[in-house]
């Protein structure tokens, strides 16, 4: 039997808005935002339609295209910036194609982390995704693994650096 306390609500693109509101009457344990959408939400949506820490006991966010198609800055209790959180290696072509590819890589990374095929360790970093190649690490803080089993008391922004050059390397 499925119990709500054991349920992880994950969503990507504008579905995070729909998922968040559809389940607003239930206090969720964990909500996962996969590069939560920015353009339409920023322009037309009110704050109540944005993913926030108030949506669950633990809100985990994976940033892969922050500031373009995805929201920037810390949104959840625990946010992961993968490869700088903006543009992902392996995403090629014109600017919009690179942005779209980077945006959807959040799903690929999270799926790989759940399947445990790749250990993606996040190192505590500053309160926003740093530019790729820079390091704004927080001193004396412990790394945590991106995935579906983060410690429920974890808080902050974590930077994950992955070495790959494929569009979805963990199939």
Protein backbone atom coordinates (compact mmCIF):
# COMPACT_ATOMS: atom_id res chain seq x y z
CA UNK A 1 0.00 0.00 0.00
CA UNK A 2 1.32 3.43 -0.95
CA UNK A 3 1.62 5.76 2.03
CA UNK A 4 1.86 9.51 1.55
CA UNK A 5 4.73 9.78 4.00
CA UNK A 6 6.75 7.48 1.73
CA UNK A 7 5.95 9.41 -1.43
CA UNK A 8 8.43 11.61 -3.25
CA UNK A 9 6.76 14.15 -5.53
CA UNK A 10 9.07 14.95 -8.44
CA UNK A 11 8.33 17.31 -11.29
CA UNK A 12 10.03 19.17 -14.07
CA UNK A 13 9.14 22.15 -16.26
CA UNK A 14 5.80 23.85 -15.57
CA UNK A 15 4.50 20.63 -14.07
CA UNK A 16 6.18 21.61 -10.80
CA UNK A 17 3.57 24.35 -10.50
CA UNK A 18 0.73 21.94 -11.25
CA UNK A 19 2.11 19.23 -8.96
CA UNK A 20 2.67 21.65 -6.11
CA UNK A 21 -0.87 23.04 -6.31
CA UNK A 22 -2.55 19.69 -6.98
CA UNK A 23 -1.12 18.28 -3.78
CA UNK A 24 -1.35 21.48 -1.74
CA UNK A 25 -3.83 19.97 0.71
CA UNK A 26 -1.40 17.22 1.65
CA UNK A 27 1.73 18.08 3.62
CA UNK A 28 4.34 16.24 1.64
CA UNK A 29 7.49 14.78 3.12
CA UNK A 30 9.70 15.43 0.08
CA UNK A 31 9.20 17.45 -3.10
CA UNK A 32 11.82 17.42 -5.83
CA UNK A 33 12.11 20.29 -8.30
CA UNK A 34 14.00 19.34 -11.44
CA UNK A 35 15.28 22.69 -12.69
CA UNK A 36 11.98 24.47 -11.84
CA UNK A 37 10.77 26.62 -14.75
CA UNK A 38 11.52 30.33 -14.79
CA UNK A 39 10.32 32.15 -17.94
CA UNK A 40 6.53 31.83 -17.78
CA UNK A 41 6.41 31.61 -14.00
CA UNK A 42 8.52 34.76 -13.64
CA UNK A 43 6.46 36.71 -16.15
CA UNK A 44 2.91 35.51 -15.46
CA UNK A 45 2.84 33.45 -12.28
CA UNK A 46 2.37 34.69 -8.76
CA UNK A 47 4.50 33.52 -5.83
CA UNK A 48 1.91 30.91 -4.88
CA UNK A 49 2.64 29.05 -8.13
CA UNK A 50 6.37 28.87 -7.50
CA UNK A 51 8.07 25.99 -5.82
CA UNK A 52 9.18 26.99 -2.31
CA UNK A 53 10.43 25.53 0.97
CA UNK A 54 6.87 25.69 2.30
CA UNK A 55 5.69 22.98 -0.12
CA UNK A 56 7.06 20.04 1.91
CA UNK A 57 9.11 19.04 4.92
CA UNK A 58 12.07 18.69 2.55
CA UNK A 59 12.24 20.44 -0.82
CA UNK A 60 15.17 19.30 -2.97
CA UNK A 61 16.04 21.17 -6.18
CA UNK A 62 18.39 20.20 -9.01
CA UNK A 63 19.61 23.21 -11.04
CA UNK A 64 20.93 22.54 -14.55
CA UNK A 65 19.89 25.70 -16.44
CA UNK A 66 19.55 28.35 -13.71
CA UNK A 67 18.77 31.85 -14.93
CA UNK A 68 17.66 30.75 -18.41
CA UNK A 69 14.85 28.18 -18.51
CA UNK A 70 15.26 27.31 -14.82
CA UNK A 71 14.94 29.41 -11.67
CA UNK A 72 18.16 30.69 -10.12
CA UNK A 73 19.13 31.03 -6.49
CA UNK A 74 18.24 28.74 -3.62
CA UNK A 75 14.61 27.63 -3.79
CA UNK A 76 14.47 24.53 -1.62
CA UNK A 77 15.89 23.33 1.65
CA UNK A 78 18.61 21.58 -0.37
CA UNK A 79 19.60 22.79 -3.84
CA UNK A 80 22.14 21.10 -6.11
CA UNK A 81 23.94 23.04 -8.86
CA UNK A 82 25.18 20.47 -11.36
CA UNK A 83 28.21 21.58 -13.39
CA UNK A 84 27.70 25.20 -12.34
CA UNK A 85 23.92 24.86 -12.67
CA UNK A 86 23.66 26.80 -15.93
CA UNK A 87 24.88 25.00 -19.08
CA UNK A 88 25.58 21.28 -19.20
CA UNK A 89 28.49 19.67 -21.04
CA UNK A 90 27.34 17.62 -23.98
CA UNK A 91 24.55 20.07 -24.86
CA UNK A 92 25.43 21.42 -28.30
CA UNK A 93 23.91 23.61 -31.00
CA UNK A 94 22.34 27.06 -31.04
CA UNK A 95 21.66 28.91 -27.77
CA UNK A 96 18.05 27.79 -27.29
CA UNK A 97 18.91 24.16 -28.03
CA UNK A 98 21.74 24.23 -25.46
CA UNK A 99 19.39 25.83 -22.89
CA UNK A 100 16.65 23.24 -23.51
CA UNK A 101 19.08 20.34 -23.36
CA UNK A 102 20.64 21.70 -20.16
CA UNK A 103 17.20 22.23 -18.62
CA UNK A 104 16.10 18.64 -19.23
CA UNK A 105 19.41 17.16 -18.03
CA UNK A 106 18.08 17.58 -14.47
CA UNK A 107 15.78 14.60 -15.09
CA UNK A 108 18.63 12.52 -16.45
CA UNK A 109 20.92 13.32 -13.51
CA UNK A 110 18.27 12.59 -10.92
CA UNK A 111 17.28 9.30 -12.58
CA UNK A 112 20.93 8.24 -12.61
CA UNK A 113 21.33 9.17 -8.94
CA UNK A 114 18.27 7.11 -7.96
CA UNK A 115 19.47 4.14 -9.95
CA UNK A 116 22.77 4.52 -8.04
CA UNK A 117 24.78 4.04 -11.20
CA UNK A 118 26.71 7.23 -10.55
CA UNK A 119 27.59 8.67 -7.16
CA UNK A 120 26.96 12.39 -7.43
CA UNK A 121 28.42 14.13 -4.41
CA UNK A 122 27.44 17.71 -3.70
CA UNK A 123 29.97 19.93 -1.96
CA UNK A 124 28.50 22.82 0.07
CA UNK A 125 28.85 26.07 -1.86
CA UNK A 126 27.57 29.65 -1.84
CA UNK A 127 23.85 30.54 -1.92
CA UNK A 128 23.64 30.58 -5.72
CA UNK A 129 25.05 28.46 -8.53
CA UNK A 130 28.61 29.68 -9.14
CA UNK A 131 29.91 30.18 -12.65
CA UNK A 132 31.47 27.02 -13.98
CA UNK A 133 35.14 26.83 -13.10
CA UNK A 134 34.79 29.00 -9.99
CA UNK A 135 34.52 27.67 -6.48
CA UNK A 136 32.57 29.37 -3.72
CA UNK A 137 32.72 26.54 -1.23
CA UNK A 138 31.53 26.80 2.35
CA UNK A 139 34.28 25.93 4.84
CA UNK A 140 33.92 22.97 7.23
CA UNK A 141 30.70 21.65 5.69
CA UNK A 142 30.04 18.01 4.76
CA UNK A 143 29.24 16.88 1.22
CA UNK A 144 25.99 15.00 0.55
CA UNK A 145 24.89 12.73 -2.29
CA UNK A 146 22.35 14.00 -4.80
CA UNK A 147 19.44 11.58 -4.94
CA UNK A 148 16.31 10.30 -3.31
CA UNK A 149 17.85 9.59 0.09
CA UNK A 150 19.35 12.86 1.26
CA UNK A 151 19.39 13.31 5.04
CA UNK A 152 16.12 15.08 6.00
CA UNK A 153 17.97 17.67 8.07
CA UNK A 154 20.25 18.73 5.19
CA UNK A 155 20.12 22.38 4.26
CA UNK A 156 21.91 24.67 1.83
CA UNK A 157 23.33 24.90 -1.67
CA UNK A 158 25.55 22.10 -2.98
CA UNK A 159 27.74 22.06 -6.09
CA UNK A 160 28.09 18.82 -8.05
CA UNK A 161 30.79 18.49 -10.71
CA UNK A 162 30.32 15.65 -13.22
CA UNK A 163 32.89 14.68 -15.81
CA UNK A 164 31.09 13.65 -18.97
CA UNK A 165 30.47 14.95 -22.44
CA UNK A 166 27.30 13.18 -23.52
CA UNK A 167 23.72 14.45 -23.69
CA UNK A 168 22.33 11.81 -21.30
CA UNK A 169 25.32 9.76 -20.22
CA UNK A 170 23.65 7.48 -17.72
CA UNK A 171 21.10 5.60 -19.87
